Amino acid sequence: MASAYFPGSLFPLVAWIPGGILWWLVQAALKLAVLIPGLAIVPVLYRYRFTDIKDMPWWSLPWVNPEDWHGGFKNYDGSLPTWWMKKERSPGEPYGDSLYSFWRYHARRNPSDGLRNFKWLQLWIDKKKVWYWTPELMEHYEPWYDRTPGWRGYIAGQGFWWGLKIQWVRDKSYSELKLGFRVEPRDAVYELKETSARRYLGASFASKLIFHRELD
């Protein structure tokens, strides 16, 4: 039996649901256990925002996302991505890295992303083992790449480590439901690039529910 399943085959969806739901519950419980105390702990980490990730205190790691921290994957000067600092820029905060902005990003927008420091929780994608089902195989599944109005989505996984994404795209906005691991149908077709955070850090677990977000 082939290790990759293509549009039209629902076998993996049926076969791996029980294990996937169990692992989803474990991950959700871990994220919740980190998220709640993080509301109070993240402000404390503000004083470390220019500290290299390798020098961070051991107890801080559940709240320190290696993709968005100084000395991490992209080697930021600080501990916030450039696009967020530009978005948060104001006359009083020229770089958008105020305490409140820092807290909003690490405690509210991306809570628990420090779990990416724990490799055993991540999915290490193997192209030959990825299965998926989607009405249409697309190269990009983010709405800003294809703004054609309508429904789109997929379920993709590697064993019972699966992820689901459903989007409803409108003319200038979109809604989205995302659950599970960051594995996509294109992972069965294309190799992960050297510059991919998912190749370097593993594919993390994410939950997202967006009712309305502007595309522009």
C-alpha atoms as a PDB file:
ATOM      1  CA  MET A   1       0.000   0.000   0.000  1.00  0.00           C
ATOM      2  CA  ALA A   2       1.332   3.427  -0.930  1.00  0.00           C
ATOM      3  CA  SER A   3       2.498   5.674   1.895  1.00  0.00           C
ATOM      4  CA  ALA A   4       0.983   8.841   0.424  1.00  0.00           C
ATOM      5  CA  TYR A   5      -2.733   9.212  -0.249  1.00  0.00           C
ATOM      6  CA  PHE A   6      -4.034  11.631  -2.817  1.00  0.00           C
ATOM      7  CA  PRO A   7      -7.336  13.473  -3.427  1.00  0.00           C
ATOM      8  CA  GLY A   8     -10.257  11.070  -3.490  1.00  0.00           C
ATOM      9  CA  SER A   9      -8.912   8.584  -0.912  1.00  0.00           C
ATOM     10  CA  LEU A  10     -10.451   8.869   2.560  1.00  0.00           C
ATOM     11  CA  PHE A  11      -8.765   5.813   4.114  1.00  0.00           C
ATOM     12  CA  PRO A  12      -6.245   7.705   6.284  1.00  0.00           C
ATOM     13  CA  LEU A  13      -8.966  10.070   7.487  1.00  0.00           C
ATOM     14  CA  VAL A  14     -10.972   7.113   8.818  1.00  0.00           C
ATOM     15  CA  ALA A  15      -8.065   4.932   9.960  1.00  0.00           C
ATOM     16  CA  TRP A  16      -6.162   7.538  11.967  1.00  0.00           C
ATOM     17  CA  ILE A  17      -9.001   9.551  13.575  1.00  0.00           C
ATOM     18  CA  PRO A  18      -8.982   7.789  17.013  1.00  0.00           C
ATOM     19  CA  GLY A  19      -5.226   8.131  17.590  1.00  0.00           C
ATOM     20  CA  GLY A  20      -5.264  11.656  16.197  1.00  0.00           C
ATOM     21  CA  ILE A  21      -8.033  12.782  18.538  1.00  0.00           C
ATOM     22  CA  LEU A  22      -6.233  11.278  21.539  1.00  0.00           C
ATOM     23  CA  TRP A  23      -2.968  13.045  20.660  1.00  0.00           C
ATOM     24  CA  TRP A  24      -4.879  16.276  19.986  1.00  0.00           C
ATOM     25  CA  LEU A  25      -6.331  16.124  23.514  1.00  0.00           C
ATOM     26  CA  VAL A  26      -2.871  15.556  25.019  1.00  0.00           C
ATOM     27  CA  GLN A  27      -1.447  18.508  23.087  1.00  0.00           C
ATOM     28  CA  ALA A  28      -4.418  20.737  23.910  1.00  0.00           C
ATOM     29  CA  ALA A  29      -4.049  19.956  27.628  1.00  0.00           C
ATOM     30  CA  LEU A  30      -0.328  20.772  27.520  1.00  0.00           C
ATOM     31  CA  LYS A  31      -0.928  24.038  25.683  1.00  0.00           C
ATOM     32  CA  LEU A  32      -3.646  25.057  28.132  1.00  0.00           C
ATOM     33  CA  ALA A  33      -1.382  24.239  31.084  1.00  0.00           C
ATOM     34  CA  VAL A  34       1.245  26.600  29.610  1.00  0.00           C
ATOM     35  CA  LEU A  35      -1.126  29.285  28.317  1.00  0.00           C
ATOM     36  CA  ILE A  36      -2.821  30.159  31.618  1.00  0.00           C
ATOM     37  CA  PRO A  37       0.295  30.824  33.757  1.00  0.00           C
ATOM     38  CA  GLY A  38       1.864  32.446  30.698  1.00  0.00           C
ATOM     39  CA  LEU A  39      -0.517  35.388  31.048  1.00  0.00           C
ATOM     40  CA  ALA A  40       1.442  36.334  34.176  1.00  0.00           C
ATOM     41  CA  ILE A  41       4.881  34.919  33.291  1.00  0.00           C
ATOM     42  CA  VAL A  42       5.290  36.503  29.819  1.00  0.00           C
ATOM     43  CA  PRO A  43       5.525  40.071  31.220  1.00  0.00           C
ATOM     44  CA  VAL A  44       8.433  38.888  33.400  1.00  0.00           C
ATOM     45  CA  LEU A  45      10.222  37.670  30.271  1.00  0.00           C
ATOM     46  CA  TYR A  46      10.105  41.179  28.779  1.00  0.00           C
ATOM     47  CA  ARG A  47      13.369  41.966  30.586  1.00  0.00           C
ATOM     48  CA  TYR A  48      14.985  39.088  28.650  1.00  0.00           C
ATOM     49  CA  ARG A  49      13.784  40.249  25.220  1.00  0.00           C
ATOM     50  CA  PHE A  50      17.348  40.832  23.946  1.00  0.00           C
ATOM     51  CA  THR A  51      18.795  37.723  25.593  1.00  0.00           C
ATOM     52  CA  ASP A  52      19.965  34.963  23.275  1.00  0.00           C
ATOM     53  CA  ILE A  53      17.632  31.982  23.445  1.00  0.00           C
ATOM     54  CA  LYS A  54      20.465  29.651  24.478  1.00  0.00           C
ATOM     55  CA  ASP A  55      21.042  31.856  27.555  1.00  0.00           C
ATOM     56  CA  MET A  56      17.414  31.968  28.666  1.00  0.00           C
ATOM     57  CA  PRO A  57      16.582  30.472  32.090  1.00  0.00           C
ATOM     58  CA  TRP A  58      15.424  26.848  31.828  1.00  0.00           C
ATOM     59  CA  TRP A  59      12.071  27.644  33.442  1.00  0.00           C
ATOM     60  CA  SER A  60      11.235  30.183  30.716  1.00  0.00           C
ATOM     61  CA  LEU A  61      11.393  27.797  27.738  1.00  0.00           C
ATOM     62  CA  PRO A  62       7.650  26.912  27.560  1.00  0.00           C
ATOM     63  CA  TRP A  63       6.979  30.600  26.759  1.00  0.00           C
ATOM     64  CA  VAL A  64       9.976  31.317  24.496  1.00  0.00           C
ATOM     65  CA  ASN A  65       9.140  30.543  20.870  1.00  0.00           C
ATOM     66  CA  PRO A  66      12.439  29.636  19.123  1.00  0.00           C
ATOM     67  CA  GLU A  67      11.090  30.943  15.807  1.00  0.00           C
ATOM     68  CA  ASP A  68      10.516  34.435  17.216  1.00  0.00           C
ATOM     69  CA  TRP A  69      13.278  34.919  19.768  1.00  0.00           C
ATOM     70  CA  HIS A  70      16.680  36.545  19.693  1.00  0.00           C
ATOM     71  CA  GLY A  71      19.275  33.975  18.603  1.00  0.00           C
ATOM     72  CA  GLY A  72      16.597  31.553  17.450  1.00  0.00           C
ATOM     73  CA  PHE A  73      15.693  30.350  13.993  1.00  0.00           C
ATOM     74  CA  LYS A  74      15.647  33.709  12.202  1.00  0.00           C
ATOM     75  CA  ASN A  75      18.177  35.443  14.430  1.00  0.00           C
ATOM     76  CA  TYR A  76      16.044  38.449  15.321  1.00  0.00           C
ATOM     77  CA  ASP A  77      17.739  41.315  17.159  1.00  0.00           C
ATOM     78  CA  GLY A  78      14.895  41.180  19.670  1.00  0.00           C
ATOM     79  CA  SER A  79      12.195  38.722  20.594  1.00  0.00           C
ATOM     80  CA  LEU A  80       9.450  39.873  18.234  1.00  0.00           C
ATOM     81  CA  PRO A  81       9.225  39.399  14.445  1.00  0.00           C
ATOM     82  CA  THR A  82       9.870  42.485  12.325  1.00  0.00           C
ATOM     83  CA  TRP A  83       6.394  42.484  10.780  1.00  0.00           C
ATOM     84  CA  TRP A  84       4.792  42.630  14.240  1.00  0.00           C
ATOM     85  CA  MET A  85       6.970  45.528  15.394  1.00  0.00           C
ATOM     86  CA  LYS A  86       6.087  47.461  12.234  1.00  0.00           C
ATOM     87  CA  LYS A  87       2.406  46.736  12.791  1.00  0.00           C
ATOM     88  CA  GLU A  88       2.652  47.917  16.398  1.00  0.00           C
ATOM     89  CA  ARG A  89       4.739  51.003  15.615  1.00  0.00           C
ATOM     90  CA  SER A  90       3.554  54.222  17.262  1.00  0.00           C
ATOM     91  CA  PRO A  91       5.083  57.665  18.028  1.00  0.00           C
ATOM     92  CA  GLY A  92       5.861  56.624  21.594  1.00  0.00           C
ATOM     93  CA  GLU A  93       7.089  53.141  20.688  1.00  0.00           C
ATOM     94  CA  PRO A  94       9.249  53.502  17.544  1.00  0.00           C
ATOM     95  CA  TYR A  95       9.912  49.777  17.245  1.00  0.00           C
ATOM     96  CA  GLY A  96       6.591  48.449  18.470  1.00  0.00           C
ATOM     97  CA  ASP A  97       8.228  46.406  21.230  1.00  0.00           C
ATOM     98  CA  SER A  98       6.475  47.853  24.256  1.00  0.00           C
ATOM     99  CA  LEU A  99       5.631  45.612  27.198  1.00  0.00           C
ATOM    100  CA  TYR A 100       1.988  45.492  26.121  1.00  0.00           C
ATOM    101  CA  SER A 101       2.900  44.620  22.525  1.00  0.00           C
ATOM    102  CA  PHE A 102       5.296  41.940  23.780  1.00  0.00           C
ATOM    103  CA  TRP A 103       2.583  40.469  26.012  1.00  0.00           C
ATOM    104  CA  ARG A 104      -0.030  40.522  23.277  1.00  0.00           C
ATOM    105  CA  TYR A 105       2.231  38.605  20.895  1.00  0.00           C
ATOM    106  CA  HIS A 106       3.660  35.965  23.227  1.00  0.00           C
ATOM    107  CA  ALA A 107       0.797  35.495  25.699  1.00  0.00           C
ATOM    108  CA  ARG A 108      -2.282  36.073  23.529  1.00  0.00           C
ATOM    109  CA  ARG A 109      -1.476  35.711  19.829  1.00  0.00           C
ATOM    110  CA  ASN A 110       1.006  32.812  20.060  1.00  0.00           C
ATOM    111  CA  PRO A 111       0.588  31.366  23.554  1.00  0.00           C
ATOM    112  CA  SER A 112       2.447  28.166  24.429  1.00  0.00           C
ATOM    113  CA  ASP A 113       4.639  28.336  21.319  1.00  0.00           C
ATOM    114  CA  GLY A 114       7.648  27.754  23.538  1.00  0.00           C
ATOM    115  CA  LEU A 115       6.621  24.101  23.468  1.00  0.00           C
ATOM    116  CA  ARG A 116       8.501  24.035  20.166  1.00  0.00           C
ATOM    117  CA  ASN A 117      11.650  23.814  22.282  1.00  0.00           C
ATOM    118  CA  PHE A 118      10.605  20.288  23.251  1.00  0.00           C
ATOM    119  CA  LYS A 119      11.428  18.232  20.170  1.00  0.00           C
ATOM    120  CA  TRP A 120       9.439  15.132  21.148  1.00  0.00           C
ATOM    121  CA  LEU A 121       6.223  17.148  20.860  1.00  0.00           C
ATOM    122  CA  GLN A 122       6.911  18.160  17.253  1.00  0.00           C
ATOM    123  CA  LEU A 123       6.172  16.344  13.990  1.00  0.00           C
ATOM    124  CA  TRP A 124       9.294  15.821  11.880  1.00  0.00           C
ATOM    125  CA  ILE A 125       7.857  15.674   8.389  1.00  0.00           C
ATOM    126  CA  ASP A 126       8.892  12.856   6.068  1.00  0.00           C
ATOM    127  CA  LYS A 127       7.611  13.499   2.547  1.00  0.00           C
ATOM    128  CA  LYS A 128       7.239   9.764   1.844  1.00  0.00           C
ATOM    129  CA  LYS A 129       4.931   9.240   4.830  1.00  0.00           C
ATOM    130  CA  VAL A 130       2.557  12.186   4.386  1.00  0.00           C
ATOM    131  CA  TRP A 131      -1.055  11.441   3.432  1.00  0.00           C
ATOM    132  CA  TYR A 132      -3.720  14.004   2.603  1.00  0.00           C
ATOM    133  CA  TRP A 133      -7.181  14.646   1.296  1.00  0.00           C
ATOM    134  CA  THR A 134      -8.216  17.902  -0.300  1.00  0.00           C
ATOM    135  CA  PRO A 135     -10.660  18.826  -3.083  1.00  0.00           C
ATOM    136  CA  GLU A 136      -7.828  20.609  -4.895  1.00  0.00           C
ATOM    137  CA  LEU A 137      -4.082  20.291  -4.372  1.00  0.00           C
ATOM    138  CA  MET A 138      -2.677  23.806  -3.977  1.00  0.00           C
ATOM    139  CA  GLU A 139       0.878  25.041  -3.627  1.00  0.00           C
ATOM    140  CA  HIS A 140      -0.126  27.582  -0.966  1.00  0.00           C
ATOM    141  CA  TYR A 141      -2.929  27.335   1.562  1.00  0.00           C
ATOM    142  CA  GLU A 142      -2.725  30.828   3.014  1.00  0.00           C
ATOM    143  CA  PRO A 143      -5.553  33.142   1.886  1.00  0.00           C
ATOM    144  CA  TRP A 144      -3.267  36.011   0.892  1.00  0.00           C
ATOM    145  CA  TYR A 145      -1.749  33.876  -1.883  1.00  0.00           C
ATOM    146  CA  ASP A 146      -5.063  32.922  -3.477  1.00  0.00           C
ATOM    147  CA  ARG A 147      -7.801  35.475  -2.843  1.00  0.00           C
ATOM    148  CA  THR A 148     -10.407  33.763  -4.982  1.00  0.00           C
ATOM    149  CA  PRO A 149     -13.642  33.847  -2.913  1.00  0.00           C
ATOM    150  CA  GLY A 150     -14.986  30.492  -1.745  1.00  0.00           C
ATOM    151  CA  TRP A 151     -14.355  27.474   0.486  1.00  0.00           C
ATOM    152  CA  ARG A 152     -11.096  25.555   0.601  1.00  0.00           C
ATOM    153  CA  GLY A 153      -9.376  23.242   3.002  1.00  0.00           C
ATOM    154  CA  TYR A 154      -7.668  19.928   3.665  1.00  0.00           C
ATOM    155  CA  ILE A 155      -6.786  17.278   6.165  1.00  0.00           C
ATOM    156  CA  ALA A 156      -3.209  15.987   6.052  1.00  0.00           C
ATOM    157  CA  GLY A 157      -1.031  13.956   8.314  1.00  0.00           C
ATOM    158  CA  GLN A 158       1.786  11.570   8.995  1.00  0.00           C
ATOM    159  CA  GLY A 159       0.382   8.577  10.815  1.00  0.00           C
ATOM    160  CA  PHE A 160      -2.074   9.912  13.388  1.00  0.00           C
ATOM    161  CA  TRP A 161      -0.244  13.245  13.639  1.00  0.00           C
ATOM    162  CA  TRP A 162      -2.661  15.146  11.438  1.00  0.00           C
ATOM    163  CA  GLY A 163      -3.860  18.668  10.843  1.00  0.00           C
ATOM    164  CA  LEU A 164      -7.071  20.171   9.534  1.00  0.00           C
ATOM    165  CA  LYS A 165      -7.635  23.551   7.915  1.00  0.00           C
ATOM    166  CA  ILE A 166     -10.882  25.013   6.570  1.00  0.00           C
ATOM    167  CA  GLN A 167     -11.141  28.533   5.127  1.00  0.00           C
ATOM    168  CA  TRP A 168     -13.911  30.717   3.780  1.00  0.00           C
ATOM    169  CA  VAL A 169     -12.391  33.493   1.670  1.00  0.00           C
ATOM    170  CA  ARG A 170     -14.342  36.629   0.806  1.00  0.00           C
ATOM    171  CA  ASP A 171     -13.354  39.600  -1.350  1.00  0.00           C
ATOM    172  CA  LYS A 172     -11.297  41.370   1.323  1.00  0.00           C
ATOM    173  CA  SER A 173     -11.445  39.101   4.363  1.00  0.00           C
ATOM    174  CA  TYR A 174     -11.503  35.459   5.432  1.00  0.00           C
ATOM    175  CA  SER A 175     -12.539  33.082   8.206  1.00  0.00           C
ATOM    176  CA  GLU A 176     -10.505  30.054   9.255  1.00  0.00           C
ATOM    177  CA  LEU A 177     -10.567  26.970  11.441  1.00  0.00           C
ATOM    178  CA  LYS A 178      -7.265  25.223  12.061  1.00  0.00           C
ATOM    179  CA  LEU A 179      -6.603  22.245  14.317  1.00  0.00           C
ATOM    180  CA  GLY A 180      -3.711  19.864  14.788  1.00  0.00           C
ATOM    181  CA  PHE A 181      -0.196  19.726  13.388  1.00  0.00           C
ATOM    182  CA  ARG A 182       1.189  22.066  10.757  1.00  0.00           C
ATOM    183  CA  VAL A 183       1.393  19.461   8.018  1.00  0.00           C
ATOM    184  CA  GLU A 184      -0.004  20.287   4.570  1.00  0.00           C
ATOM    185  CA  PRO A 185      -0.868  18.328   1.400  1.00  0.00           C
ATOM    186  CA  ARG A 186       2.050  19.953  -0.448  1.00  0.00           C
ATOM    187  CA  ASP A 187       4.411  18.255   2.025  1.00  0.00           C
ATOM    188  CA  ALA A 188       3.722  14.985   0.166  1.00  0.00           C
ATOM    189  CA  VAL A 189       4.848  16.622  -3.082  1.00  0.00           C
ATOM    190  CA  TYR A 190       7.613  19.105  -2.240  1.00  0.00           C
ATOM    191  CA  GLU A 191      10.652  18.774   0.011  1.00  0.00           C
ATOM    192  CA  LEU A 192      10.819  21.207   2.915  1.00  0.00           C
ATOM    193  CA  LYS A 193      13.259  24.005   2.109  1.00  0.00           C
ATOM    194  CA  GLU A 194      16.416  24.573   4.133  1.00  0.00           C
ATOM    195  CA  THR A 195      14.925  27.921   5.201  1.00  0.00           C
ATOM    196  CA  SER A 196      11.704  26.331   6.459  1.00  0.00           C
ATOM    197  CA  ALA A 197      11.048  26.714  10.176  1.00  0.00           C
ATOM    198  CA  ARG A 198       9.155  23.415  10.078  1.00  0.00           C
ATOM    199  CA  ARG A 199      12.277  21.640   8.829  1.00  0.00           C
ATOM    200  CA  TYR A 200      14.512  23.200  11.469  1.00  0.00           C
ATOM    201  CA  LEU A 201      12.108  23.203  14.439  1.00  0.00           C
ATOM    202  CA  GLY A 202       9.578  20.535  13.469  1.00  0.00           C
ATOM    203  CA  ALA A 203       5.926  21.008  12.591  1.00  0.00           C
ATOM    204  CA  SER A 204       4.208  22.305  15.695  1.00  0.00           C
ATOM    205  CA  PHE A 205       0.651  21.856  16.924  1.00  0.00           C
ATOM    206  CA  ALA A 206      -1.769  24.742  16.427  1.00  0.00           C
ATOM    207  CA  SER A 207      -5.369  25.671  17.153  1.00  0.00           C
ATOM    208  CA  LYS A 208      -6.914  28.704  15.493  1.00  0.00           C
ATOM    209  CA  LEU A 209     -10.436  30.030  15.024  1.00  0.00           C
ATOM    210  CA  ILE A 210     -10.809  33.277  13.062  1.00  0.00           C
ATOM    211  CA  PHE A 211     -14.276  34.618  12.377  1.00  0.00           C
ATOM    212  CA  HIS A 212     -13.186  37.675  10.412  1.00  0.00           C
ATOM    213  CA  ARG A 213      -9.743  38.919   9.390  1.00  0.00           C
ATOM    214  CA  GLU A 214      -8.940  41.497   6.737  1.00  0.00           C
ATOM    215  CA  LEU A 215      -6.795  40.399   3.800  1.00  0.00           C
ATOM    216  CA  ASP A 216      -5.390  43.854   3.070  1.00  0.00           C
END
